[in-house]
C-alpha cells in the first residue's frame, strides 16, 4: 500500500507522523510530505490550496505512484479534501484527521459561528492569539496541553507566516461540495472526543453527509492538540490499515 501523509500547519511532517509510521505494518510504503506553504522562506502572495494540490501531484509523480492513499491532519486535511475534489482519479482512499476546513459552502449556523470566532481570534495581539486559538479548539472545561519544554525549534520561525497564509486561503477559497459528493472511494475520519464539537464535529457531520462511502471513528480521549497519530498511533495504524484494505477490495 502506498500512502502520502500531510501534516498540520505547525509540525514538520516527519515529526508529526514519526510515531504513526513506526506503528504501520512494514508492507505499507508511507511518505510524510511537508506542506507547500513552507516550500519557500515566505509563502507566495497568491498562496492557496492549489499549490498544495500541485505539490501532491509532483510528489506522487516523482515516486511513480499513479494511485495512492492520502492522509491529512488539520490544515493537511483541508489540503487532502481539496485534492480529492480536484484529482479523485489519483486516490485509492482518503483519510482525514480532524480537517481544519472543508470549504465555505453549506456551513451550518453552528459552524458559521465557530468561524466568526476564529476571525476574532486572528485579530488578537500575538501574545493572546495562540492561547485563544488553543482554547477555542477544545471542548469547554478541557484544559489546554502544556507548552513544550525548551527553546522553540528553528522551524517555528516561519510558522506565523504560514498560519496567516493558510487562514487567508480558507477565507478566500472553497471546495466544491458536489465534487466531494462524487468521490466514490472510501473516506475515513478520525475525530477527537475532547475537541470543540462546534468546529470539528460540525465539519465531520457535513462531510459524512457528502461522501457516499464514509466512516467516522471517535477517539474519546483525544483532541486537536493531542491527536491520535501522535498519542494513539497503534490504534490509528490498525484503523487506517483496515480502511486501506477495504479500498483494495
C-alpha atoms as a PDB file:
ATOM      1  CA  UNK A   1       0.000   0.000   0.000  1.00  0.00           C
ATOM      2  CA  UNK A   2       1.292   3.430  -0.964  1.00  0.00           C
ATOM      3  CA  UNK A   3       0.371   6.337   1.313  1.00  0.00           C
ATOM      4  CA  UNK A   4       1.135  10.061   1.485  1.00  0.00           C
ATOM      5  CA  UNK A   5       0.659  11.771   4.856  1.00  0.00           C
ATOM      6  CA  UNK A   6       0.104  15.536   5.129  1.00  0.00           C
ATOM      7  CA  UNK A   7       0.695  17.252   8.498  1.00  0.00           C
ATOM      8  CA  UNK A   8      -0.967  20.258  10.085  1.00  0.00           C
ATOM      9  CA  UNK A   9       0.279  23.809   9.863  1.00  0.00           C
ATOM     10  CA  UNK A  10       2.786  23.630  12.758  1.00  0.00           C
ATOM     11  CA  UNK A  11       4.790  20.399  12.993  1.00  0.00           C
ATOM     12  CA  UNK A  12       7.005  19.189  10.125  1.00  0.00           C
ATOM     13  CA  UNK A  13       5.690  16.005   8.526  1.00  0.00           C
ATOM     14  CA  UNK A  14       8.420  13.700   9.874  1.00  0.00           C
ATOM     15  CA  UNK A  15       7.900  14.977  13.419  1.00  0.00           C
ATOM     16  CA  UNK A  16       4.112  14.792  13.181  1.00  0.00           C
ATOM     17  CA  UNK A  17       3.937  11.288  11.732  1.00  0.00           C
ATOM     18  CA  UNK A  18       7.009   9.566  13.140  1.00  0.00           C
ATOM     19  CA  UNK A  19       5.089   7.520  15.723  1.00  0.00           C
ATOM     20  CA  UNK A  20       2.378   6.521  13.249  1.00  0.00           C
ATOM     21  CA  UNK A  21       4.881   5.459  10.593  1.00  0.00           C
ATOM     22  CA  UNK A  22       6.657   3.249  13.129  1.00  0.00           C
ATOM     23  CA  UNK A  23       3.296   1.668  14.050  1.00  0.00           C
ATOM     24  CA  UNK A  24       2.288   0.860  10.479  1.00  0.00           C
ATOM     25  CA  UNK A  25       2.799  -2.597   9.049  1.00  0.00           C
ATOM     26  CA  UNK A  26       6.145  -2.890   7.171  1.00  0.00           C
ATOM     27  CA  UNK A  27       4.209  -3.607   3.981  1.00  0.00           C
ATOM     28  CA  UNK A  28       2.904  -0.022   3.971  1.00  0.00           C
ATOM     29  CA  UNK A  29       5.023   2.335   1.897  1.00  0.00           C
ATOM     30  CA  UNK A  30       4.364   5.650   3.632  1.00  0.00           C
ATOM     31  CA  UNK A  31       5.730   9.078   2.706  1.00  0.00           C
ATOM     32  CA  UNK A  32       5.322  12.019   5.103  1.00  0.00           C
ATOM     33  CA  UNK A  33       5.189  15.182   2.978  1.00  0.00           C
ATOM     34  CA  UNK A  34       5.552  18.739   4.262  1.00  0.00           C
ATOM     35  CA  UNK A  35       3.036  21.356   3.222  1.00  0.00           C
ATOM     36  CA  UNK A  36       3.903  23.520   0.218  1.00  0.00           C
ATOM     37  CA  UNK A  37       3.257  26.657   2.254  1.00  0.00           C
ATOM     38  CA  UNK A  38       6.735  26.039   3.732  1.00  0.00           C
ATOM     39  CA  UNK A  39       8.471  25.181   0.457  1.00  0.00           C
ATOM     40  CA  UNK A  40       9.859  28.729   0.274  1.00  0.00           C
ATOM     41  CA  UNK A  41      11.149  31.052   3.033  1.00  0.00           C
ATOM     42  CA  UNK A  42       7.919  33.102   2.797  1.00  0.00           C
ATOM     43  CA  UNK A  43       4.560  31.877   1.487  1.00  0.00           C
ATOM     44  CA  UNK A  44       3.749  33.166  -2.017  1.00  0.00           C
ATOM     45  CA  UNK A  45       1.420  36.164  -2.098  1.00  0.00           C
ATOM     46  CA  UNK A  46      -1.106  34.116  -4.057  1.00  0.00           C
ATOM     47  CA  UNK A  47      -0.840  31.024  -1.849  1.00  0.00           C
ATOM     48  CA  UNK A  48      -3.885  28.766  -1.983  1.00  0.00           C
ATOM     49  CA  UNK A  49      -4.724  25.085  -1.791  1.00  0.00           C
ATOM     50  CA  UNK A  50      -3.965  24.746  -5.496  1.00  0.00           C
ATOM     51  CA  UNK A  51      -0.266  24.904  -4.535  1.00  0.00           C
ATOM     52  CA  UNK A  52      -0.793  22.006  -2.116  1.00  0.00           C
ATOM     53  CA  UNK A  53      -2.636  20.038  -4.808  1.00  0.00           C
ATOM     54  CA  UNK A  54       0.150  20.654  -7.333  1.00  0.00           C
ATOM     55  CA  UNK A  55       2.755  19.650  -4.747  1.00  0.00           C
ATOM     56  CA  UNK A  56       0.960  16.371  -4.057  1.00  0.00           C
ATOM     57  CA  UNK A  57       0.814  15.604  -7.762  1.00  0.00           C
ATOM     58  CA  UNK A  58       4.550  16.267  -8.102  1.00  0.00           C
ATOM     59  CA  UNK A  59       5.331  14.047  -5.109  1.00  0.00           C
ATOM     60  CA  UNK A  60       3.222  11.160  -6.435  1.00  0.00           C
ATOM     61  CA  UNK A  61       4.665  11.518  -9.944  1.00  0.00           C
ATOM     62  CA  UNK A  62       8.223  11.664  -8.583  1.00  0.00           C
ATOM     63  CA  UNK A  63       7.602   8.361  -6.828  1.00  0.00           C
ATOM     64  CA  UNK A  64       5.864   6.840  -9.847  1.00  0.00           C
ATOM     65  CA  UNK A  65       2.616   6.417  -7.922  1.00  0.00           C
ATOM     66  CA  UNK A  66      -0.352   6.571 -10.293  1.00  0.00           C
ATOM     67  CA  UNK A  67      -2.705   5.826  -7.396  1.00  0.00           C
ATOM     68  CA  UNK A  68      -2.174   6.196  -3.644  1.00  0.00           C
ATOM     69  CA  UNK A  69      -3.923   6.562  -0.296  1.00  0.00           C
ATOM     70  CA  UNK A  70      -3.947  10.058   1.202  1.00  0.00           C
ATOM     71  CA  UNK A  71      -3.996  11.001   4.898  1.00  0.00           C
ATOM     72  CA  UNK A  72      -4.283  14.595   6.108  1.00  0.00           C
ATOM     73  CA  UNK A  73      -4.435  16.191   9.542  1.00  0.00           C
ATOM     74  CA  UNK A  74      -5.857  19.665  10.301  1.00  0.00           C
ATOM     75  CA  UNK A  75      -4.573  22.023   7.563  1.00  0.00           C
ATOM     76  CA  UNK A  76      -3.241  18.946   5.769  1.00  0.00           C
ATOM     77  CA  UNK A  77      -6.751  17.507   5.981  1.00  0.00           C
ATOM     78  CA  UNK A  78      -8.090  20.608   4.244  1.00  0.00           C
ATOM     79  CA  UNK A  79      -5.457  20.174   1.514  1.00  0.00           C
ATOM     80  CA  UNK A  80      -6.392  16.490   1.226  1.00  0.00           C
ATOM     81  CA  UNK A  81     -10.046  17.432   0.719  1.00  0.00           C
ATOM     82  CA  UNK A  82      -9.035  19.895  -1.993  1.00  0.00           C
ATOM     83  CA  UNK A  83      -7.022  17.160  -3.681  1.00  0.00           C
ATOM     84  CA  UNK A  84      -9.934  14.690  -3.521  1.00  0.00           C
ATOM     85  CA  UNK A  85     -12.141  17.268  -5.245  1.00  0.00           C
ATOM     86  CA  UNK A  86      -9.538  18.168  -7.897  1.00  0.00           C
ATOM     87  CA  UNK A  87      -7.875  14.831  -8.707  1.00  0.00           C
ATOM     88  CA  UNK A  88     -10.086  11.974  -7.448  1.00  0.00           C
ATOM     89  CA  UNK A  89      -8.747   9.581 -10.070  1.00  0.00           C
ATOM     90  CA  UNK A  90      -5.350   9.546  -8.318  1.00  0.00           C
ATOM     91  CA  UNK A  91      -6.699   8.401  -4.937  1.00  0.00           C
ATOM     92  CA  UNK A  92      -7.368   4.878  -3.721  1.00  0.00           C
ATOM     93  CA  UNK A  93      -8.847   6.271  -0.497  1.00  0.00           C
ATOM     94  CA  UNK A  94      -8.940   9.360   1.721  1.00  0.00           C
ATOM     95  CA  UNK A  95      -8.315   9.558   5.485  1.00  0.00           C
ATOM     96  CA  UNK A  96      -8.933  12.766   7.419  1.00  0.00           C
ATOM     97  CA  UNK A  97      -7.694  13.520  10.927  1.00  0.00           C
ATOM     98  CA  UNK A  98      -9.777  16.456  12.147  1.00  0.00           C
ATOM     99  CA  UNK A  99      -9.545  18.582   8.984  1.00  0.00           C
ATOM    100  CA  UNK A 100      -9.342  22.264   9.880  1.00  0.00           C
ATOM    101  CA  UNK A 101     -11.550  23.348   6.978  1.00  0.00           C
ATOM    102  CA  UNK A 102     -13.848  21.744   4.434  1.00  0.00           C
ATOM    103  CA  UNK A 103     -14.869  24.639   2.201  1.00  0.00           C
ATOM    104  CA  UNK A 104     -17.224  27.558   2.751  1.00  0.00           C
ATOM    105  CA  UNK A 105     -20.356  26.206   1.081  1.00  0.00           C
ATOM    106  CA  UNK A 106     -23.108  24.603   3.129  1.00  0.00           C
ATOM    107  CA  UNK A 107     -21.870  25.546   6.599  1.00  0.00           C
ATOM    108  CA  UNK A 108     -24.363  25.137   9.436  1.00  0.00           C
ATOM    109  CA  UNK A 109     -25.223  28.064  11.704  1.00  0.00           C
ATOM    110  CA  UNK A 110     -23.070  26.461  14.398  1.00  0.00           C
ATOM    111  CA  UNK A 111     -20.085  26.151  12.069  1.00  0.00           C
ATOM    112  CA  UNK A 112     -20.504  29.739  10.850  1.00  0.00           C
ATOM    113  CA  UNK A 113     -20.428  30.959  14.458  1.00  0.00           C
ATOM    114  CA  UNK A 114     -17.243  28.961  15.071  1.00  0.00           C
ATOM    115  CA  UNK A 115     -15.594  30.602  12.042  1.00  0.00           C
ATOM    116  CA  UNK A 116     -16.638  34.073  13.222  1.00  0.00           C
ATOM    117  CA  UNK A 117     -14.901  33.276  16.488  1.00  0.00           C
ATOM    118  CA  UNK A 118     -11.759  32.243  14.572  1.00  0.00           C
ATOM    119  CA  UNK A 119     -11.790  35.563  12.703  1.00  0.00           C
ATOM    120  CA  UNK A 120     -11.975  37.442  16.004  1.00  0.00           C
ATOM    121  CA  UNK A 121      -9.078  35.392  17.378  1.00  0.00           C
ATOM    122  CA  UNK A 122      -7.000  36.180  14.281  1.00  0.00           C
ATOM    123  CA  UNK A 123      -7.216  39.903  15.161  1.00  0.00           C
ATOM    124  CA  UNK A 124      -5.846  39.477  18.690  1.00  0.00           C
ATOM    125  CA  UNK A 125      -2.312  40.589  19.649  1.00  0.00           C
ATOM    126  CA  UNK A 126       0.388  37.981  19.118  1.00  0.00           C
ATOM    127  CA  UNK A 127       0.689  37.050  22.795  1.00  0.00           C
ATOM    128  CA  UNK A 128      -3.069  36.442  23.087  1.00  0.00           C
ATOM    129  CA  UNK A 129      -3.778  34.787  19.742  1.00  0.00           C
ATOM    130  CA  UNK A 130      -2.336  31.294  20.251  1.00  0.00           C
ATOM    131  CA  UNK A 131      -3.794  30.717  23.750  1.00  0.00           C
ATOM    132  CA  UNK A 132      -7.208  31.808  22.469  1.00  0.00           C
ATOM    133  CA  UNK A 133      -6.926  29.546  19.418  1.00  0.00           C
ATOM    134  CA  UNK A 134      -5.977  26.533  21.544  1.00  0.00           C
ATOM    135  CA  UNK A 135      -8.882  27.154  23.916  1.00  0.00           C
ATOM    136  CA  UNK A 136     -11.324  27.534  21.015  1.00  0.00           C
ATOM    137  CA  UNK A 137     -10.344  24.142  19.577  1.00  0.00           C
ATOM    138  CA  UNK A 138     -11.182  22.265  22.769  1.00  0.00           C
ATOM    139  CA  UNK A 139     -14.424  21.274  24.424  1.00  0.00           C
ATOM    140  CA  UNK A 140     -15.375  23.605  27.290  1.00  0.00           C
ATOM    141  CA  UNK A 141     -13.574  22.724  30.531  1.00  0.00           C
ATOM    142  CA  UNK A 142     -10.877  20.681  28.731  1.00  0.00           C
ATOM    143  CA  UNK A 143      -7.519  22.042  29.940  1.00  0.00           C
ATOM    144  CA  UNK A 144      -5.051  23.074  27.227  1.00  0.00           C
ATOM    145  CA  UNK A 145      -1.902  20.992  26.896  1.00  0.00           C
ATOM    146  CA  UNK A 146       1.247  22.462  28.465  1.00  0.00           C
ATOM    147  CA  UNK A 147       3.687  24.199  26.120  1.00  0.00           C
ATOM    148  CA  UNK A 148       6.644  22.077  25.002  1.00  0.00           C
ATOM    149  CA  UNK A 149       9.758  22.493  27.146  1.00  0.00           C
ATOM    150  CA  UNK A 150      12.889  24.239  25.989  1.00  0.00           C
ATOM    151  CA  UNK A 151      13.508  26.791  23.271  1.00  0.00           C
ATOM    152  CA  UNK A 152      11.400  26.753  20.082  1.00  0.00           C
ATOM    153  CA  UNK A 153      12.965  24.690  17.266  1.00  0.00           C
ATOM    154  CA  UNK A 154      14.300  26.642  14.256  1.00  0.00           C
ATOM    155  CA  UNK A 155      11.385  25.659  12.024  1.00  0.00           C
ATOM    156  CA  UNK A 156       8.972  27.571  14.284  1.00  0.00           C
ATOM    157  CA  UNK A 157      10.294  30.855  12.849  1.00  0.00           C
ATOM    158  CA  UNK A 158       8.209  30.654   9.652  1.00  0.00           C
ATOM    159  CA  UNK A 159       5.061  29.209  11.247  1.00  0.00           C
ATOM    160  CA  UNK A 160       3.261  32.531  11.923  1.00  0.00           C
ATOM    161  CA  UNK A 161       3.506  33.496   8.236  1.00  0.00           C
ATOM    162  CA  UNK A 162       2.338  30.025   7.184  1.00  0.00           C
ATOM    163  CA  UNK A 163      -0.640  30.163   9.530  1.00  0.00           C
ATOM    164  CA  UNK A 164      -1.648  33.581   8.195  1.00  0.00           C
ATOM    165  CA  UNK A 165      -1.323  32.366   4.592  1.00  0.00           C
ATOM    166  CA  UNK A 166      -3.441  29.260   5.049  1.00  0.00           C
ATOM    167  CA  UNK A 167      -6.080  31.193   7.009  1.00  0.00           C
ATOM    168  CA  UNK A 168      -6.343  33.609   4.062  1.00  0.00           C
ATOM    169  CA  UNK A 169      -6.671  30.628   1.721  1.00  0.00           C
ATOM    170  CA  UNK A 170      -9.529  29.264   3.819  1.00  0.00           C
ATOM    171  CA  UNK A 171     -11.192  32.681   3.950  1.00  0.00           C
ATOM    172  CA  UNK A 172     -10.978  33.318   0.217  1.00  0.00           C
ATOM    173  CA  UNK A 173     -11.278  29.790  -1.204  1.00  0.00           C
ATOM    174  CA  UNK A 174     -13.802  26.995  -1.356  1.00  0.00           C
ATOM    175  CA  UNK A 175     -14.125  23.287  -2.097  1.00  0.00           C
ATOM    176  CA  UNK A 176     -16.884  22.199  -4.452  1.00  0.00           C
ATOM    177  CA  UNK A 177     -19.246  20.046  -2.347  1.00  0.00           C
ATOM    178  CA  UNK A 178     -20.579  18.353  -5.464  1.00  0.00           C
ATOM    179  CA  UNK A 179     -17.051  17.179  -6.321  1.00  0.00           C
ATOM    180  CA  UNK A 180     -16.815  15.644  -2.855  1.00  0.00           C
ATOM    181  CA  UNK A 181     -20.234  14.063  -3.301  1.00  0.00           C
ATOM    182  CA  UNK A 182     -18.953  12.389  -6.485  1.00  0.00           C
ATOM    183  CA  UNK A 183     -15.878  10.987  -4.707  1.00  0.00           C
ATOM    184  CA  UNK A 184     -16.656   7.264  -4.564  1.00  0.00           C
ATOM    185  CA  UNK A 185     -13.549   5.938  -2.792  1.00  0.00           C
ATOM    186  CA  UNK A 186     -13.695   5.070   0.929  1.00  0.00           C
ATOM    187  CA  UNK A 187     -13.312   8.029   3.296  1.00  0.00           C
ATOM    188  CA  UNK A 188     -12.265   7.665   6.940  1.00  0.00           C
ATOM    189  CA  UNK A 189     -12.396  10.490   9.506  1.00  0.00           C
ATOM    190  CA  UNK A 190     -10.866  10.391  12.988  1.00  0.00           C
ATOM    191  CA  UNK A 191     -12.432  12.825  15.479  1.00  0.00           C
ATOM    192  CA  UNK A 192     -11.220  13.666  18.974  1.00  0.00           C
ATOM    193  CA  UNK A 193     -13.869  13.333  21.649  1.00  0.00           C
ATOM    194  CA  UNK A 194     -12.377  16.312  23.521  1.00  0.00           C
ATOM    195  CA  UNK A 195     -12.215  18.648  20.509  1.00  0.00           C
ATOM    196  CA  UNK A 196     -14.656  21.512  20.023  1.00  0.00           C
ATOM    197  CA  UNK A 197     -17.773  19.874  18.542  1.00  0.00           C
ATOM    198  CA  UNK A 198     -18.980  23.195  17.107  1.00  0.00           C
ATOM    199  CA  UNK A 199     -15.962  23.229  14.791  1.00  0.00           C
ATOM    200  CA  UNK A 200     -14.506  19.770  14.207  1.00  0.00           C
ATOM    201  CA  UNK A 201     -17.694  17.877  14.967  1.00  0.00           C
ATOM    202  CA  UNK A 202     -19.687  20.023  12.548  1.00  0.00           C
ATOM    203  CA  UNK A 203     -17.102  19.517   9.810  1.00  0.00           C
ATOM    204  CA  UNK A 204     -17.282  15.752  10.371  1.00  0.00           C
ATOM    205  CA  UNK A 205     -21.078  15.847  10.207  1.00  0.00           C
ATOM    206  CA  UNK A 206     -21.065  17.865   6.969  1.00  0.00           C
ATOM    207  CA  UNK A 207     -18.545  15.553   5.304  1.00  0.00           C
ATOM    208  CA  UNK A 208     -20.474  12.492   6.442  1.00  0.00           C
ATOM    209  CA  UNK A 209     -23.489  13.821   4.569  1.00  0.00           C
ATOM    210  CA  UNK A 210     -21.437  14.486   1.427  1.00  0.00           C
ATOM    211  CA  UNK A 211     -19.248  11.419   0.933  1.00  0.00           C
ATOM    212  CA  UNK A 212     -21.112   8.281  -0.197  1.00  0.00           C
ATOM    213  CA  UNK A 213     -18.636   5.881   1.484  1.00  0.00           C
ATOM    214  CA  UNK A 214     -17.812   7.426   4.868  1.00  0.00           C
ATOM    215  CA  UNK A 215     -16.592   6.033   8.193  1.00  0.00           C
ATOM    216  CA  UNK A 216     -16.253   8.071  11.383  1.00  0.00           C
ATOM    217  CA  UNK A 217     -14.158   6.926  14.353  1.00  0.00           C
ATOM    218  CA  UNK A 218     -14.174   8.883  17.621  1.00  0.00           C
ATOM    219  CA  UNK A 219     -11.098   8.797  19.857  1.00  0.00           C
ATOM    220  CA  UNK A 220     -12.731   9.695  23.157  1.00  0.00           C
ATOM    221  CA  UNK A 221      -9.590  10.855  24.983  1.00  0.00           C
ATOM    222  CA  UNK A 222      -8.014  12.787  22.132  1.00  0.00           C
ATOM    223  CA  UNK A 223      -8.306  16.401  20.992  1.00  0.00           C
ATOM    224  CA  UNK A 224      -6.855  18.549  18.221  1.00  0.00           C
ATOM    225  CA  UNK A 225      -3.539  19.133  20.010  1.00  0.00           C
ATOM    226  CA  UNK A 226      -3.157  15.549  21.236  1.00  0.00           C
ATOM    227  CA  UNK A 227      -4.234  13.778  18.041  1.00  0.00           C
ATOM    228  CA  UNK A 228      -4.325  10.002  17.564  1.00  0.00           C
ATOM    229  CA  UNK A 229      -1.426   9.852  15.106  1.00  0.00           C
ATOM    230  CA  UNK A 230       0.839  11.096  17.904  1.00  0.00           C
ATOM    231  CA  UNK A 231      -0.871   9.836  21.063  1.00  0.00           C
ATOM    232  CA  UNK A 232      -2.612   6.604  19.946  1.00  0.00           C
ATOM    233  CA  UNK A 233      -0.552   5.627  16.887  1.00  0.00           C
ATOM    234  CA  UNK A 234      -1.057   1.863  17.244  1.00  0.00           C
ATOM    235  CA  UNK A 235      -4.842   2.119  17.320  1.00  0.00           C
ATOM    236  CA  UNK A 236      -4.897   4.595  14.437  1.00  0.00           C
ATOM    237  CA  UNK A 237      -2.498   2.443  12.410  1.00  0.00           C
ATOM    238  CA  UNK A 238      -4.824  -0.567  12.695  1.00  0.00           C
ATOM    239  CA  UNK A 239      -7.831   1.579  11.723  1.00  0.00           C
ATOM    240  CA  UNK A 240      -6.040   3.007   8.699  1.00  0.00           C
ATOM    241  CA  UNK A 241      -4.796  -0.391   7.555  1.00  0.00           C
ATOM    242  CA  UNK A 242      -8.370  -1.721   7.733  1.00  0.00           C
ATOM    243  CA  UNK A 243      -9.570   1.321   5.780  1.00  0.00           C
ATOM    244  CA  UNK A 244      -6.926   0.772   3.107  1.00  0.00           C
ATOM    245  CA  UNK A 245      -7.755  -2.933   2.805  1.00  0.00           C
ATOM    246  CA  UNK A 246     -11.404  -2.031   2.290  1.00  0.00           C
ATOM    247  CA  UNK A 247     -10.387   0.300  -0.522  1.00  0.00           C
ATOM    248  CA  UNK A 248      -8.485  -2.522  -2.208  1.00  0.00           C
ATOM    249  CA  UNK A 249     -11.446  -4.937  -2.196  1.00  0.00           C
END
